[in-house]
Amino acid sequence: MSIHNEQLLTNADQLIKDNKIEEAVAILESIIHNNPTFGKAHNHLGFIYETKIKNYTKAEEHYKLAYQHSPDYCAIYYNYAILLSNLKRFDELKELLTKAETVVGINKSTINNEWAILYESDGNIDLAIEYYKKVIASTFDNKTLEIAISSVERCNRKKAFLNGTNTTAINSGNFGTPPGM
């Protein structure tokens, strides 16, 4: 580990937060030029390519290099999971999340949330609810807690609708009529 590279990474991270993407990319590419196996820099470049440039192929290349060189760096799992989820590559996502569960220091709430999103996206609402409940049980963050509770409520509404037990029915006779009329 190079303290110099860690400081440069911190600088690049701040530039990303400040939306100074070109400057951040320049720093990250210089880190990789000097140390091609510095996985954290690859992770950050993957994040930029995914979220700022929308080049998912380049993003994945960098996430894979990050994982190859720094498999204990937790951020790789969070970022790469979101990419795979957005690309609906659920089989690969399952493999990644399974590996993530063994990483020391990984945020279990975040990984459980990714499992829940995977199952909800795949139409397995019951399993999604089970994982959102795991998020609720393991988080210490109020915002994450509220989002997980809301996600369980959303899934329950989906289940009710799909099972035909939805209590919110459209009254076609009053369609377009303002409430109280």
C-alpha atoms as a PDB file:
ATOM      1  CA  MET A   1       0.000   0.000   0.000  1.00  0.00           C
ATOM      2  CA  SER A   2       1.282   3.410  -0.948  1.00  0.00           C
ATOM      3  CA  ILE A   3       0.398   6.307   1.312  1.00  0.00           C
ATOM      4  CA  HIS A   4       0.973   8.613  -1.654  1.00  0.00           C
ATOM      5  CA  ASN A   5      -1.579   6.706  -3.759  1.00  0.00           C
ATOM      6  CA  GLU A   6      -4.048   6.715  -0.873  1.00  0.00           C
ATOM      7  CA  GLN A   7      -3.718  10.515  -0.596  1.00  0.00           C
ATOM      8  CA  LEU A   8      -4.163  10.913  -4.351  1.00  0.00           C
ATOM      9  CA  LEU A   9      -7.232   8.666  -4.143  1.00  0.00           C
ATOM     10  CA  THR A  10      -8.647  10.849  -1.373  1.00  0.00           C
ATOM     11  CA  ASN A  11      -8.074  13.912  -3.556  1.00  0.00           C
ATOM     12  CA  ALA A  12      -9.776  12.230  -6.522  1.00  0.00           C
ATOM     13  CA  ASP A  13     -12.682  11.207  -4.308  1.00  0.00           C
ATOM     14  CA  GLN A  14     -13.212  14.812  -3.245  1.00  0.00           C
ATOM     15  CA  LEU A  15     -13.040  15.961  -6.875  1.00  0.00           C
ATOM     16  CA  ILE A  16     -15.751  13.422  -7.751  1.00  0.00           C
ATOM     17  CA  LYS A  17     -17.913  14.788  -4.934  1.00  0.00           C
ATOM     18  CA  ASP A  18     -17.267  18.307  -6.262  1.00  0.00           C
ATOM     19  CA  ASN A  19     -18.249  17.093  -9.770  1.00  0.00           C
ATOM     20  CA  LYS A  20     -14.789  17.901 -11.135  1.00  0.00           C
ATOM     21  CA  ILE A  21     -14.760  14.694 -13.120  1.00  0.00           C
ATOM     22  CA  GLU A  22     -11.984  15.430 -15.610  1.00  0.00           C
ATOM     23  CA  GLU A  23      -9.597  16.343 -12.800  1.00  0.00           C
ATOM     24  CA  ALA A  24     -10.538  13.215 -10.865  1.00  0.00           C
ATOM     25  CA  VAL A  25     -10.020  11.001 -13.926  1.00  0.00           C
ATOM     26  CA  ALA A  26      -6.598  12.539 -14.524  1.00  0.00           C
ATOM     27  CA  ILE A  27      -5.508  11.737 -10.968  1.00  0.00           C
ATOM     28  CA  LEU A  28      -6.917   8.212 -11.076  1.00  0.00           C
ATOM     29  CA  GLU A  29      -5.298   7.467 -14.428  1.00  0.00           C
ATOM     30  CA  SER A  30      -1.953   8.739 -13.132  1.00  0.00           C
ATOM     31  CA  ILE A  31      -2.261   6.418 -10.118  1.00  0.00           C
ATOM     32  CA  ILE A  32      -2.979   3.461 -12.407  1.00  0.00           C
ATOM     33  CA  HIS A  33      -0.179   4.446 -14.764  1.00  0.00           C
ATOM     34  CA  ASN A  34       2.271   4.293 -11.860  1.00  0.00           C
ATOM     35  CA  ASN A  35       0.626   1.327 -10.138  1.00  0.00           C
ATOM     36  CA  PRO A  36      -1.691  -0.704 -12.427  1.00  0.00           C
ATOM     37  CA  THR A  37      -2.650  -3.009  -9.552  1.00  0.00           C
ATOM     38  CA  PHE A  38      -4.058  -0.271  -7.299  1.00  0.00           C
ATOM     39  CA  GLY A  39      -7.606  -1.637  -7.235  1.00  0.00           C
ATOM     40  CA  LYS A  40      -9.168   1.281  -5.399  1.00  0.00           C
ATOM     41  CA  ALA A  41      -8.307   3.625  -8.283  1.00  0.00           C
ATOM     42  CA  HIS A  42      -9.908   1.167 -10.714  1.00  0.00           C
ATOM     43  CA  ASN A  43     -13.029   1.130  -8.536  1.00  0.00           C
ATOM     44  CA  HIS A  44     -13.263   4.910  -8.604  1.00  0.00           C
ATOM     45  CA  LEU A  45     -12.784   4.979 -12.380  1.00  0.00           C
ATOM     46  CA  GLY A  46     -15.477   2.322 -12.709  1.00  0.00           C
ATOM     47  CA  PHE A  47     -17.799   4.509 -10.658  1.00  0.00           C
ATOM     48  CA  ILE A  48     -17.096   7.519 -12.884  1.00  0.00           C
ATOM     49  CA  TYR A  49     -17.610   5.548 -16.090  1.00  0.00           C
ATOM     50  CA  GLU A  50     -20.845   4.105 -14.737  1.00  0.00           C
ATOM     51  CA  THR A  51     -22.469   7.129 -13.124  1.00  0.00           C
ATOM     52  CA  LYS A  52     -21.000  10.152 -14.871  1.00  0.00           C
ATOM     53  CA  ILE A  53     -20.025   9.008 -18.370  1.00  0.00           C
ATOM     54  CA  LYS A  54     -22.551   6.146 -18.747  1.00  0.00           C
ATOM     55  CA  ASN A  55     -20.009   3.874 -20.399  1.00  0.00           C
ATOM     56  CA  TYR A  56     -20.981   0.606 -18.764  1.00  0.00           C
ATOM     57  CA  THR A  57     -18.418  -1.484 -20.635  1.00  0.00           C
ATOM     58  CA  LYS A  58     -15.526   0.646 -19.333  1.00  0.00           C
ATOM     59  CA  ALA A  59     -17.109   0.738 -15.895  1.00  0.00           C
ATOM     60  CA  GLU A  60     -17.237  -3.038 -15.771  1.00  0.00           C
ATOM     61  CA  GLU A  61     -13.643  -3.350 -16.979  1.00  0.00           C
ATOM     62  CA  HIS A  62     -12.484  -1.194 -14.097  1.00  0.00           C
ATOM     63  CA  TYR A  63     -14.682  -2.931 -11.518  1.00  0.00           C
ATOM     64  CA  LYS A  64     -13.269  -6.295 -12.596  1.00  0.00           C
ATOM     65  CA  LEU A  65      -9.710  -4.977 -12.294  1.00  0.00           C
ATOM     66  CA  ALA A  66     -10.549  -3.505  -8.898  1.00  0.00           C
ATOM     67  CA  TYR A  67     -11.899  -6.844  -7.738  1.00  0.00           C
ATOM     68  CA  GLN A  68      -8.907  -8.705  -9.161  1.00  0.00           C
ATOM     69  CA  HIS A  69      -6.365  -6.480  -7.433  1.00  0.00           C
ATOM     70  CA  SER A  70      -8.221  -5.477  -4.236  1.00  0.00           C
ATOM     71  CA  PRO A  71     -10.838  -8.132  -3.436  1.00  0.00           C
ATOM     72  CA  ASP A  72     -11.092  -6.937   0.176  1.00  0.00           C
ATOM     73  CA  TYR A  73     -12.067  -3.379  -0.795  1.00  0.00           C
ATOM     74  CA  CYS A  74     -15.753  -3.219   0.118  1.00  0.00           C
ATOM     75  CA  ALA A  75     -16.734  -0.381  -2.237  1.00  0.00           C
ATOM     76  CA  ILE A  76     -16.111  -2.623  -5.248  1.00  0.00           C
ATOM     77  CA  TYR A  77     -18.965  -4.887  -4.228  1.00  0.00           C
ATOM     78  CA  TYR A  78     -21.408  -2.044  -3.652  1.00  0.00           C
ATOM     79  CA  ASN A  79     -20.620  -0.295  -6.938  1.00  0.00           C
ATOM     80  CA  TYR A  80     -20.331  -3.359  -9.151  1.00  0.00           C
ATOM     81  CA  ALA A  81     -23.568  -4.771  -7.686  1.00  0.00           C
ATOM     82  CA  ILE A  82     -25.471  -1.657  -8.720  1.00  0.00           C
ATOM     83  CA  LEU A  83     -24.073  -1.880 -12.256  1.00  0.00           C
ATOM     84  CA  LEU A  84     -25.020  -5.557 -12.599  1.00  0.00           C
ATOM     85  CA  SER A  85     -28.469  -4.847 -11.160  1.00  0.00           C
ATOM     86  CA  ASN A  86     -29.074  -1.984 -13.595  1.00  0.00           C
ATOM     87  CA  LEU A  87     -27.956  -4.216 -16.469  1.00  0.00           C
ATOM     88  CA  LYS A  88     -30.297  -6.966 -15.175  1.00  0.00           C
ATOM     89  CA  ARG A  89     -27.473  -9.497 -15.078  1.00  0.00           C
ATOM     90  CA  PHE A  90     -28.889 -11.278 -12.068  1.00  0.00           C
ATOM     91  CA  ASP A  91     -26.870 -14.512 -12.234  1.00  0.00           C
ATOM     92  CA  GLU A  92     -23.604 -12.553 -12.095  1.00  0.00           C
ATOM     93  CA  LEU A  93     -25.037 -10.321  -9.394  1.00  0.00           C
ATOM     94  CA  LYS A  94     -25.875 -13.367  -7.252  1.00  0.00           C
ATOM     95  CA  GLU A  95     -22.272 -14.561  -7.536  1.00  0.00           C
ATOM     96  CA  LEU A  96     -20.915 -11.138  -6.603  1.00  0.00           C
ATOM     97  CA  LEU A  97     -23.227 -10.742  -3.607  1.00  0.00           C
ATOM     98  CA  THR A  98     -22.369 -14.237  -2.392  1.00  0.00           C
ATOM     99  CA  LYS A  99     -18.670 -13.314  -2.497  1.00  0.00           C
ATOM    100  CA  ALA A 100     -19.381  -9.966  -0.827  1.00  0.00           C
ATOM    101  CA  GLU A 101     -20.959 -11.678   2.173  1.00  0.00           C
ATOM    102  CA  THR A 102     -17.548 -13.137   3.062  1.00  0.00           C
ATOM    103  CA  VAL A 103     -15.617  -9.855   2.941  1.00  0.00           C
ATOM    104  CA  VAL A 104     -14.482  -8.575   6.317  1.00  0.00           C
ATOM    105  CA  GLY A 105     -15.959  -5.156   7.031  1.00  0.00           C
ATOM    106  CA  ILE A 106     -18.693  -5.348   4.397  1.00  0.00           C
ATOM    107  CA  ASN A 107     -21.885  -3.509   5.313  1.00  0.00           C
ATOM    108  CA  LYS A 108     -24.424  -6.339   5.661  1.00  0.00           C
ATOM    109  CA  SER A 109     -27.355  -3.921   5.355  1.00  0.00           C
ATOM    110  CA  THR A 110     -26.103  -2.715   1.984  1.00  0.00           C
ATOM    111  CA  ILE A 111     -25.554  -6.259   0.703  1.00  0.00           C
ATOM    112  CA  ASN A 112     -28.963  -7.392   1.984  1.00  0.00           C
ATOM    113  CA  ASN A 113     -30.517  -4.400   0.248  1.00  0.00           C
ATOM    114  CA  GLU A 114     -28.886  -5.438  -3.021  1.00  0.00           C
ATOM    115  CA  TRP A 115     -30.236  -8.982  -2.561  1.00  0.00           C
ATOM    116  CA  ALA A 116     -33.695  -7.510  -1.929  1.00  0.00           C
ATOM    117  CA  ILE A 117     -33.550  -5.348  -5.057  1.00  0.00           C
ATOM    118  CA  LEU A 118     -32.381  -8.355  -7.069  1.00  0.00           C
ATOM    119  CA  TYR A 119     -35.309 -10.487  -5.902  1.00  0.00           C
ATOM    120  CA  GLU A 120     -37.836  -7.689  -6.319  1.00  0.00           C
ATOM    121  CA  SER A 121     -36.575  -7.014  -9.853  1.00  0.00           C
ATOM    122  CA  ASP A 122     -36.759 -10.723 -10.609  1.00  0.00           C
ATOM    123  CA  GLY A 123     -40.372 -10.870  -9.387  1.00  0.00           C
ATOM    124  CA  ASN A 124     -39.716 -12.877  -6.225  1.00  0.00           C
ATOM    125  CA  ILE A 125     -41.564 -10.493  -3.931  1.00  0.00           C
ATOM    126  CA  ASP A 126     -41.611 -12.770  -0.866  1.00  0.00           C
ATOM    127  CA  LEU A 127     -37.839 -13.214  -0.913  1.00  0.00           C
ATOM    128  CA  ALA A 128     -37.396  -9.477  -1.531  1.00  0.00           C
ATOM    129  CA  ILE A 129     -39.450  -8.750   1.596  1.00  0.00           C
ATOM    130  CA  GLU A 130     -37.358 -11.230   3.581  1.00  0.00           C
ATOM    131  CA  TYR A 131     -34.176  -9.377   2.590  1.00  0.00           C
ATOM    132  CA  TYR A 132     -35.643  -5.912   3.182  1.00  0.00           C
ATOM    133  CA  LYS A 133     -36.481  -7.144   6.694  1.00  0.00           C
ATOM    134  CA  LYS A 134     -32.841  -8.168   7.117  1.00  0.00           C
ATOM    135  CA  VAL A 135     -31.875  -4.617   6.162  1.00  0.00           C
ATOM    136  CA  ILE A 136     -34.287  -3.279   8.773  1.00  0.00           C
ATOM    137  CA  ALA A 137     -32.864  -5.583  11.440  1.00  0.00           C
ATOM    138  CA  SER A 138     -29.228  -4.776  10.728  1.00  0.00           C
ATOM    139  CA  THR A 139     -29.115  -1.079   9.929  1.00  0.00           C
ATOM    140  CA  PHE A 140     -28.226   1.713  12.323  1.00  0.00           C
ATOM    141  CA  ASP A 141     -28.976   4.446   9.776  1.00  0.00           C
ATOM    142  CA  ASN A 142     -32.407   6.093   9.975  1.00  0.00           C
ATOM    143  CA  LYS A 143     -32.557   6.906   6.265  1.00  0.00           C
ATOM    144  CA  THR A 144     -31.742   3.304   5.327  1.00  0.00           C
ATOM    145  CA  LEU A 145     -34.340   2.128   7.857  1.00  0.00           C
ATOM    146  CA  GLU A 146     -37.067   4.332   6.356  1.00  0.00           C
ATOM    147  CA  ILE A 147     -36.224   3.269   2.804  1.00  0.00           C
ATOM    148  CA  ALA A 148     -36.309  -0.418   3.784  1.00  0.00           C
ATOM    149  CA  ILE A 149     -39.665  -0.026   5.557  1.00  0.00           C
ATOM    150  CA  SER A 150     -41.023   1.779   2.504  1.00  0.00           C
ATOM    151  CA  SER A 151     -39.672  -1.016   0.298  1.00  0.00           C
ATOM    152  CA  VAL A 152     -41.489  -3.668   2.350  1.00  0.00           C
ATOM    153  CA  GLU A 153     -44.695  -1.634   2.045  1.00  0.00           C
ATOM    154  CA  ARG A 154     -44.194  -1.332  -1.732  1.00  0.00           C
ATOM    155  CA  CYS A 155     -43.624  -5.082  -2.049  1.00  0.00           C
ATOM    156  CA  ASN A 156     -46.725  -5.835   0.032  1.00  0.00           C
ATOM    157  CA  ARG A 157     -48.768  -3.571  -2.241  1.00  0.00           C
ATOM    158  CA  LYS A 158     -47.373  -5.391  -5.276  1.00  0.00           C
ATOM    159  CA  LYS A 159     -48.266  -8.750  -3.731  1.00  0.00           C
ATOM    160  CA  ALA A 160     -51.793  -7.583  -2.940  1.00  0.00           C
ATOM    161  CA  PHE A 161     -52.281  -6.285  -6.459  1.00  0.00           C
ATOM    162  CA  LEU A 162     -50.867  -9.401  -8.104  1.00  0.00           C
ATOM    163  CA  ASN A 163     -52.962 -11.657  -5.842  1.00  0.00           C
ATOM    164  CA  GLY A 164     -56.116  -9.709  -6.643  1.00  0.00           C
ATOM    165  CA  THR A 165     -56.573  -8.543  -3.065  1.00  0.00           C
ATOM    166  CA  ASN A 166     -55.684  -4.918  -3.727  1.00  0.00           C
ATOM    167  CA  THR A 167     -57.982  -2.638  -1.710  1.00  0.00           C
ATOM    168  CA  THR A 168     -57.317   0.356  -3.941  1.00  0.00           C
ATOM    169  CA  ALA A 169     -59.701  -0.179  -6.823  1.00  0.00           C
ATOM    170  CA  ILE A 170     -60.552   2.356  -9.479  1.00  0.00           C
ATOM    171  CA  ASN A 171     -64.198   3.329  -9.474  1.00  0.00           C
ATOM    172  CA  SER A 172     -64.861   3.650 -13.185  1.00  0.00           C
ATOM    173  CA  GLY A 173     -68.175   5.442 -12.570  1.00  0.00           C
ATOM    174  CA  ASN A 174     -66.393   8.335 -10.853  1.00  0.00           C
ATOM    175  CA  PHE A 175     -63.336   8.418 -13.067  1.00  0.00           C
ATOM    176  CA  GLY A 176     -62.245  12.016 -13.472  1.00  0.00           C
ATOM    177  CA  THR A 177     -64.536  13.290 -10.737  1.00  0.00           C
ATOM    178  CA  PRO A 178     -62.738  15.323  -8.064  1.00  0.00           C
ATOM    179  CA  PRO A 179     -62.913  13.911  -4.523  1.00  0.00           C
ATOM    180  CA  GLY A 180     -65.946  14.995  -2.492  1.00  0.00           C
ATOM    181  CA  MET A 181     -68.199  15.423  -5.507  1.00  0.00           C
END
